[in-house]
Amino acid sequence: MQLQVRGVKTYAWHRKVVYHLAHPFPRVAMQTYYNPEHLPNFGKIGEGNPELAEKFFAYYNSVFEEGSLSKREKALIAIAVAHTVQCPYCIDAYTKECLQQGADLEQMTEAVHVATAIRGGASLIHGLQMLDQVNKLAM
């Protein structure tokens, strides 16, 4: 059965999809996709392979030790990367870590903007690949 939805022809099986696109905020409470309770239980990931988990966490912990960069600088880098990879667990963890290491909201926001600029620039530079293809195909 075909029906008309806002000028777009669609079929009955599309109704549910169209409804959800038109009503993105359901009236019933929903759980988030990411469970905030996972973050404090991150170490449990080792249940599947304790040896690899131990190696990962040893590496991870050593990376965030004071070195050529301070713990504060590393936390600011981490919060920027967390936003770039869009990891809500990482955002939660490194927001807290930044504050604990003495960073303020202005510094954290600036770090996020640096990451945003790099990510945006990386998207734009790929536009030259598109431009090359347009020039090849249009000739």
N, C-alpha and C. Protein backbone atom coordinates (compact mmCIF):
# COMPACT_ATOMS: atom_id res chain seq x y z
N MET A 1 0.84 -1.18 0.00
CA MET A 1 0.00 0.00 0.00
C MET A 1 0.89 1.24 0.00
N GLN A 2 0.68 2.12 -0.95
CA GLN A 2 1.46 3.34 -1.05
C GLN A 2 0.72 4.48 -0.36
N LEU A 3 1.47 5.37 0.32
CA LEU A 3 0.85 6.52 0.94
C LEU A 3 1.73 7.75 0.74
N GLN A 4 1.15 8.91 0.97
CA GLN A 4 1.87 10.17 0.78
C GLN A 4 2.23 10.74 2.15
N VAL A 5 3.52 11.03 2.39
CA VAL A 5 3.97 11.63 3.65
C VAL A 5 4.75 12.88 3.30
N ARG A 6 4.17 14.03 3.62
CA ARG A 6 4.83 15.32 3.36
C ARG A 6 5.41 15.40 1.95
N GLY A 7 4.62 15.00 0.97
CA GLY A 7 5.04 15.11 -0.42
C GLY A 7 5.97 14.02 -0.90
N VAL A 8 6.26 13.03 -0.07
CA VAL A 8 7.17 11.94 -0.44
C VAL A 8 6.36 10.66 -0.52
N LYS A 9 6.44 9.97 -1.66
CA LYS A 9 5.73 8.70 -1.79
C LYS A 9 6.49 7.64 -0.98
N THR A 10 5.77 6.85 -0.25
CA THR A 10 6.39 5.82 0.57
C THR A 10 5.45 4.62 0.66
N TYR A 11 5.84 3.58 1.29
CA TYR A 11 5.03 2.38 1.43
C TYR A 11 4.73 2.14 2.90
N ALA A 12 3.74 1.31 3.17
CA ALA A 12 3.26 1.08 4.54
C ALA A 12 4.39 0.69 5.49
N TRP A 13 5.33 -0.13 5.05
CA TRP A 13 6.40 -0.57 5.96
C TRP A 13 7.34 0.57 6.32
N HIS A 14 7.26 1.68 5.59
CA HIS A 14 8.09 2.86 5.91
C HIS A 14 7.48 3.70 7.02
N ARG A 15 6.20 3.48 7.32
CA ARG A 15 5.51 4.36 8.27
C ARG A 15 6.24 4.50 9.59
N LYS A 16 6.74 3.39 10.12
CA LYS A 16 7.42 3.44 11.41
C LYS A 16 8.69 4.29 11.31
N VAL A 17 9.45 4.13 10.26
CA VAL A 17 10.67 4.90 10.06
C VAL A 17 10.32 6.38 9.90
N VAL A 18 9.33 6.68 9.07
CA VAL A 18 8.92 8.06 8.85
C VAL A 18 8.44 8.68 10.16
N TYR A 19 7.67 7.94 10.94
CA TYR A 19 7.18 8.45 12.21
C TYR A 19 8.36 8.81 13.12
N HIS A 20 9.34 7.93 13.21
CA HIS A 20 10.47 8.18 14.10
C HIS A 20 11.33 9.34 13.60
N LEU A 21 11.40 9.54 12.30
CA LEU A 21 12.13 10.69 11.78
C LEU A 21 11.39 11.99 12.09
N ALA A 22 10.07 11.93 12.02
CA ALA A 22 9.27 13.13 12.29
C ALA A 22 9.12 13.40 13.79
N HIS A 23 9.28 12.39 14.62
CA HIS A 23 9.12 12.51 16.07
C HIS A 23 10.36 11.95 16.77
N PRO A 24 11.49 12.65 16.67
CA PRO A 24 12.74 12.09 17.20
C PRO A 24 12.78 11.99 18.72
N PHE A 25 11.89 12.67 19.43
CA PHE A 25 11.92 12.64 20.88
C PHE A 25 10.67 11.93 21.39
N PRO A 26 10.78 10.64 21.65
CA PRO A 26 9.61 9.90 22.11
C PRO A 26 9.13 10.39 23.47
N ARG A 27 7.88 10.17 23.75
CA ARG A 27 7.30 10.62 25.01
C ARG A 27 7.64 9.69 26.16
N VAL A 28 8.12 8.50 25.88
CA VAL A 28 8.48 7.57 26.95
C VAL A 28 9.96 7.74 27.27
N ALA A 29 10.30 7.53 28.53
CA ALA A 29 11.70 7.64 28.94
C ALA A 29 12.50 6.50 28.33
N MET A 30 13.68 6.84 27.80
CA MET A 30 14.55 5.83 27.21
C MET A 30 15.89 5.84 27.93
N GLN A 31 16.53 4.68 27.98
CA GLN A 31 17.88 4.61 28.51
C GLN A 31 18.83 5.14 27.45
N THR A 32 19.97 5.64 27.90
CA THR A 32 20.96 6.08 26.94
C THR A 32 21.66 4.86 26.37
N TYR A 33 22.22 5.03 25.18
CA TYR A 33 22.95 3.94 24.55
C TYR A 33 24.18 3.58 25.37
N TYR A 34 24.83 4.60 25.90
CA TYR A 34 26.00 4.41 26.74
C TYR A 34 25.55 4.35 28.19
N ASN A 35 26.01 3.36 28.89
CA ASN A 35 25.66 3.17 30.28
C ASN A 35 26.74 3.81 31.15
N PRO A 36 26.44 4.89 31.86
CA PRO A 36 27.45 5.55 32.69
C PRO A 36 28.07 4.64 33.73
N GLU A 37 27.39 3.57 34.10
CA GLU A 37 27.93 2.63 35.09
C GLU A 37 29.08 1.80 34.52
N HIS A 38 29.25 1.80 33.20
CA HIS A 38 30.35 1.04 32.60
C HIS A 38 31.71 1.63 32.94
N LEU A 39 31.79 2.96 32.98
CA LEU A 39 33.08 3.62 33.17
C LEU A 39 33.82 3.16 34.42
N PRO A 40 33.20 3.13 35.59
CA PRO A 40 33.95 2.67 36.77
C PRO A 40 34.26 1.17 36.74
N ASN A 41 33.65 0.46 35.82
CA ASN A 41 33.88 -0.98 35.70
C ASN A 41 34.75 -1.34 34.51
N PHE A 42 35.46 -0.37 33.97
CA PHE A 42 36.28 -0.59 32.78
C PHE A 42 37.24 -1.77 32.94
N GLY A 43 37.77 -1.95 34.14
CA GLY A 43 38.72 -3.04 34.38
C GLY A 43 38.15 -4.42 34.13
N LYS A 44 36.83 -4.55 34.17
CA LYS A 44 36.20 -5.85 33.93
C LYS A 44 36.38 -6.34 32.50
N ILE A 45 36.83 -5.45 31.62
CA ILE A 45 37.04 -5.85 30.23
C ILE A 45 38.09 -6.97 30.15
N GLY A 46 38.90 -7.07 31.19
CA GLY A 46 39.94 -8.10 31.23
C GLY A 46 39.42 -9.51 31.46
N GLU A 47 38.15 -9.67 31.77
CA GLU A 47 37.61 -11.01 32.01
C GLU A 47 37.75 -11.91 30.80
N GLY A 48 37.71 -11.34 29.61
CA GLY A 48 37.84 -12.13 28.39
C GLY A 48 39.26 -12.54 28.09
N ASN A 49 40.23 -11.74 28.50
CA ASN A 49 41.64 -12.05 28.28
C ASN A 49 42.46 -11.23 29.26
N PRO A 50 42.66 -11.75 30.47
CA PRO A 50 43.37 -10.99 31.50
C PRO A 50 44.78 -10.56 31.10
N GLU A 51 45.48 -11.38 30.35
CA GLU A 51 46.86 -11.04 29.97
C GLU A 51 46.89 -9.79 29.08
N LEU A 52 46.02 -9.75 28.07
CA LEU A 52 45.99 -8.58 27.19
C LEU A 52 45.51 -7.34 27.93
N ALA A 53 44.52 -7.51 28.80
CA ALA A 53 44.03 -6.37 29.58
C ALA A 53 45.13 -5.81 30.46
N GLU A 54 45.89 -6.69 31.11
CA GLU A 54 46.97 -6.25 31.97
C GLU A 54 48.01 -5.45 31.18
N LYS A 55 48.34 -5.94 29.98
CA LYS A 55 49.30 -5.23 29.13
C LYS A 55 48.74 -3.87 28.70
N PHE A 56 47.47 -3.85 28.32
CA PHE A 56 46.86 -2.59 27.90
C PHE A 56 46.87 -1.58 29.05
N PHE A 57 46.41 -1.99 30.23
CA PHE A 57 46.32 -1.05 31.34
C PHE A 57 47.69 -0.60 31.83
N ALA A 58 48.70 -1.47 31.73
CA ALA A 58 50.06 -1.05 32.09
C ALA A 58 50.53 0.03 31.12
N TYR A 59 50.28 -0.18 29.83
CA TYR A 59 50.64 0.81 28.81
C TYR A 59 49.87 2.11 29.03
N TYR A 60 48.55 1.99 29.18
CA TYR A 60 47.66 3.13 29.37
C TYR A 60 48.10 3.98 30.56
N ASN A 61 48.35 3.34 31.67
CA ASN A 61 48.77 4.07 32.87
C ASN A 61 50.13 4.73 32.68
N SER A 62 51.05 4.07 32.01
CA SER A 62 52.37 4.67 31.80
C SER A 62 52.29 5.88 30.87
N VAL A 63 51.39 5.84 29.89
CA VAL A 63 51.23 6.97 28.97
C VAL A 63 50.82 8.23 29.72
N PHE A 64 49.99 8.09 30.75
CA PHE A 64 49.46 9.25 31.45
C PHE A 64 50.29 9.68 32.65
N GLU A 65 51.43 9.04 32.86
CA GLU A 65 52.36 9.49 33.91
C GLU A 65 53.03 10.78 33.47
N GLU A 66 53.49 11.54 34.45
CA GLU A 66 54.24 12.76 34.18
C GLU A 66 55.45 12.42 33.32
N GLY A 67 55.71 13.19 32.31
CA GLY A 67 56.86 12.96 31.44
C GLY A 67 57.26 14.29 30.84
N SER A 68 57.55 14.31 29.55
CA SER A 68 57.84 15.58 28.88
C SER A 68 56.62 16.49 28.92
N LEU A 69 55.44 15.89 28.95
CA LEU A 69 54.20 16.63 29.13
C LEU A 69 53.71 16.41 30.55
N SER A 70 53.10 17.43 31.12
CA SER A 70 52.54 17.29 32.47
C SER A 70 51.26 16.46 32.41
N LYS A 71 50.83 15.98 33.56
CA LYS A 71 49.57 15.25 33.63
C LYS A 71 48.41 16.14 33.17
N ARG A 72 48.47 17.42 33.49
CA ARG A 72 47.44 18.36 33.07
C ARG A 72 47.40 18.50 31.55
N GLU A 73 48.57 18.64 30.93
CA GLU A 73 48.63 18.74 29.47
C GLU A 73 48.11 17.47 28.80
N LYS A 74 48.47 16.33 29.37
CA LYS A 74 47.99 15.07 28.81
C LYS A 74 46.47 14.93 28.96
N ALA A 75 45.93 15.40 30.09
CA ALA A 75 44.48 15.36 30.29
C ALA A 75 43.77 16.26 29.27
N LEU A 76 44.36 17.43 28.97
CA LEU A 76 43.77 18.33 27.98
C LEU A 76 43.81 17.71 26.58
N ILE A 77 44.90 17.05 26.26
CA ILE A 77 44.98 16.34 24.97
C ILE A 77 43.91 15.25 24.94
N ALA A 78 43.79 14.52 26.04
CA ALA A 78 42.82 13.42 26.10
C ALA A 78 41.39 13.92 25.95
N ILE A 79 41.05 15.05 26.56
CA ILE A 79 39.67 15.56 26.43
C ILE A 79 39.40 15.98 24.99
N ALA A 80 40.40 16.54 24.33
CA ALA A 80 40.23 16.92 22.92
C ALA A 80 40.05 15.68 22.05
N VAL A 81 40.88 14.68 22.25
CA VAL A 81 40.76 13.44 21.47
C VAL A 81 39.44 12.75 21.78
N ALA A 82 39.02 12.77 23.04
CA ALA A 82 37.75 12.14 23.42
C ALA A 82 36.59 12.73 22.62
N HIS A 83 36.62 14.04 22.42
CA HIS A 83 35.57 14.67 21.62
C HIS A 83 35.71 14.29 20.15
N THR A 84 36.94 14.19 19.67
CA THR A 84 37.17 13.85 18.27
C THR A 84 36.66 12.44 17.97
N VAL A 85 36.91 11.50 18.86
CA VAL A 85 36.45 10.12 18.63
C VAL A 85 35.04 9.91 19.17
N GLN A 86 34.46 10.96 19.74
CA GLN A 86 33.08 10.98 20.23
C GLN A 86 32.80 9.85 21.22
N CYS A 87 33.66 9.74 22.22
CA CYS A 87 33.53 8.71 23.24
C CYS A 87 32.97 9.32 24.52
N PRO A 88 31.69 9.10 24.82
CA PRO A 88 31.13 9.71 26.02
C PRO A 88 31.79 9.23 27.31
N TYR A 89 32.26 7.99 27.33
CA TYR A 89 32.97 7.50 28.50
C TYR A 89 34.26 8.31 28.71
N CYS A 90 34.98 8.51 27.61
CA CYS A 90 36.24 9.26 27.68
C CYS A 90 35.98 10.72 28.04
N ILE A 91 34.92 11.30 27.50
CA ILE A 91 34.59 12.68 27.81
C ILE A 91 34.33 12.83 29.30
N ASP A 92 33.54 11.90 29.86
CA ASP A 92 33.28 11.93 31.31
C ASP A 92 34.57 11.79 32.10
N ALA A 93 35.37 10.79 31.74
CA ALA A 93 36.59 10.51 32.50
C ALA A 93 37.59 11.66 32.42
N TYR A 94 37.79 12.22 31.23
CA TYR A 94 38.83 13.24 31.08
C TYR A 94 38.35 14.64 31.42
N THR A 95 37.04 14.86 31.47
CA THR A 95 36.55 16.10 32.05
C THR A 95 36.93 16.13 33.52
N LYS A 96 36.65 15.03 34.20
CA LYS A 96 36.99 14.91 35.63
C LYS A 96 38.51 15.01 35.83
N GLU A 97 39.27 14.32 34.99
CA GLU A 97 40.73 14.34 35.12
C GLU A 97 41.30 15.74 34.87
N CYS A 98 40.78 16.43 33.87
CA CYS A 98 41.24 17.80 33.61
C CYS A 98 41.04 18.68 34.83
N LEU A 99 39.86 18.60 35.42
CA LEU A 99 39.57 19.41 36.60
C LEU A 99 40.49 19.03 37.76
N GLN A 100 40.72 17.72 37.95
CA GLN A 100 41.60 17.26 39.02
C GLN A 100 43.04 17.71 38.81
N GLN A 101 43.43 17.86 37.55
CA GLN A 101 44.81 18.27 37.25
C GLN A 101 44.95 19.80 37.17
N GLY A 102 43.88 20.52 37.47
CA GLY A 102 43.97 21.97 37.55
C GLY A 102 43.57 22.73 36.30
N ALA A 103 43.07 22.05 35.29
CA ALA A 103 42.60 22.75 34.10
C ALA A 103 41.25 23.38 34.40
N ASP A 104 40.94 24.46 33.72
CA ASP A 104 39.64 25.09 33.92
C ASP A 104 38.80 24.93 32.65
N LEU A 105 37.54 25.36 32.75
CA LEU A 105 36.61 25.20 31.64
C LEU A 105 37.11 25.88 30.37
N GLU A 106 37.70 27.06 30.50
CA GLU A 106 38.20 27.79 29.34
C GLU A 106 39.28 26.98 28.62
N GLN A 107 40.22 26.40 29.37
CA GLN A 107 41.29 25.60 28.76
C GLN A 107 40.73 24.34 28.11
N MET A 108 39.78 23.69 28.79
CA MET A 108 39.18 22.48 28.24
C MET A 108 38.43 22.80 26.95
N THR A 109 37.68 23.91 26.95
CA THR A 109 36.92 24.30 25.77
C THR A 109 37.86 24.63 24.62
N GLU A 110 38.96 25.31 24.92
CA GLU A 110 39.93 25.63 23.87
C GLU A 110 40.53 24.36 23.28
N ALA A 111 40.83 23.38 24.13
CA ALA A 111 41.36 22.11 23.64
C ALA A 111 40.37 21.41 22.71
N VAL A 112 39.09 21.45 23.07
CA VAL A 112 38.05 20.85 22.23
C VAL A 112 37.98 21.59 20.89
N HIS A 113 38.12 22.91 20.91
CA HIS A 113 38.09 23.67 19.66
C HIS A 113 39.31 23.37 18.78
N VAL A 114 40.45 23.13 19.39
CA VAL A 114 41.63 22.73 18.61
C VAL A 114 41.33 21.42 17.88
N ALA A 115 40.78 20.46 18.61
CA ALA A 115 40.44 19.17 18.00
C ALA A 115 39.40 19.35 16.89
N THR A 116 38.43 20.21 17.13
CA THR A 116 37.38 20.47 16.14
C THR A 116 37.97 21.08 14.88
N ALA A 117 38.89 22.01 15.04
CA ALA A 117 39.53 22.64 13.89
C ALA A 117 40.32 21.63 13.06
N ILE A 118 41.05 20.74 13.74
CA ILE A 118 41.82 19.72 13.03
C ILE A 118 40.88 18.77 12.30
N ARG A 119 39.83 18.34 12.99
CA ARG A 119 38.89 17.41 12.36
C ARG A 119 38.18 18.07 11.19
N GLY A 120 37.77 19.33 11.36
CA GLY A 120 37.12 20.06 10.26
C GLY A 120 38.06 20.26 9.09
N GLY A 121 39.29 20.62 9.39
CA GLY A 121 40.28 20.80 8.32
C GLY A 121 40.55 19.51 7.57
N ALA A 122 40.59 18.40 8.30
CA ALA A 122 40.80 17.10 7.66
C ALA A 122 39.65 16.77 6.71
N SER A 123 38.43 17.13 7.11
CA SER A 123 37.28 16.91 6.22
C SER A 123 37.40 17.80 4.98
N LEU A 124 37.75 19.06 5.19
CA LEU A 124 37.84 19.98 4.06
C LEU A 124 38.95 19.62 3.09
N ILE A 125 40.09 19.19 3.57
CA ILE A 125 41.20 18.87 2.65
C ILE A 125 40.82 17.71 1.73
N HIS A 126 39.93 16.84 2.20
CA HIS A 126 39.46 15.76 1.34
C HIS A 126 38.59 16.30 0.20
N GLY A 127 38.13 17.55 0.34
CA GLY A 127 37.40 18.18 -0.75
C GLY A 127 38.26 18.33 -2.00
N LEU A 128 39.57 18.38 -1.83
CA LEU A 128 40.45 18.45 -3.00
C LEU A 128 40.40 17.16 -3.80
N GLN A 129 40.19 16.04 -3.11
CA GLN A 129 40.03 14.77 -3.81
C GLN A 129 38.77 14.83 -4.67
N MET A 130 37.70 15.38 -4.11
CA MET A 130 36.46 15.56 -4.86
C MET A 130 36.69 16.48 -6.06
N LEU A 131 37.40 17.58 -5.83
CA LEU A 131 37.68 18.54 -6.88
C LEU A 131 38.48 17.87 -8.02
N ASP A 132 39.47 17.05 -7.66
CA ASP A 132 40.24 16.32 -8.67
C ASP A 132 39.33 15.43 -9.51
N GLN A 133 38.39 14.74 -8.85
CA GLN A 133 37.49 13.86 -9.58
C GLN A 133 36.56 14.65 -10.49
N VAL A 134 36.05 15.77 -10.00
CA VAL A 134 35.19 16.62 -10.82
C VAL A 134 35.95 17.08 -12.05
N ASN A 135 37.19 17.53 -11.85
CA ASN A 135 37.99 18.01 -12.99
C ASN A 135 38.29 16.90 -13.99
N LYS A 136 38.53 15.69 -13.52
CA LYS A 136 38.80 14.56 -14.41
C LYS A 136 37.53 14.18 -15.19
N LEU A 137 36.41 14.11 -14.48
CA LEU A 137 35.18 13.65 -15.09
C LEU A 137 34.52 14.71 -15.98
N ALA A 138 34.77 15.97 -15.67
CA ALA A 138 34.17 17.05 -16.44
C ALA A 138 34.92 17.32 -17.74
N MET A 139 36.11 16.80 -17.90
CA MET A 139 36.91 17.08 -19.10
C MET A 139 36.46 16.24 -20.24
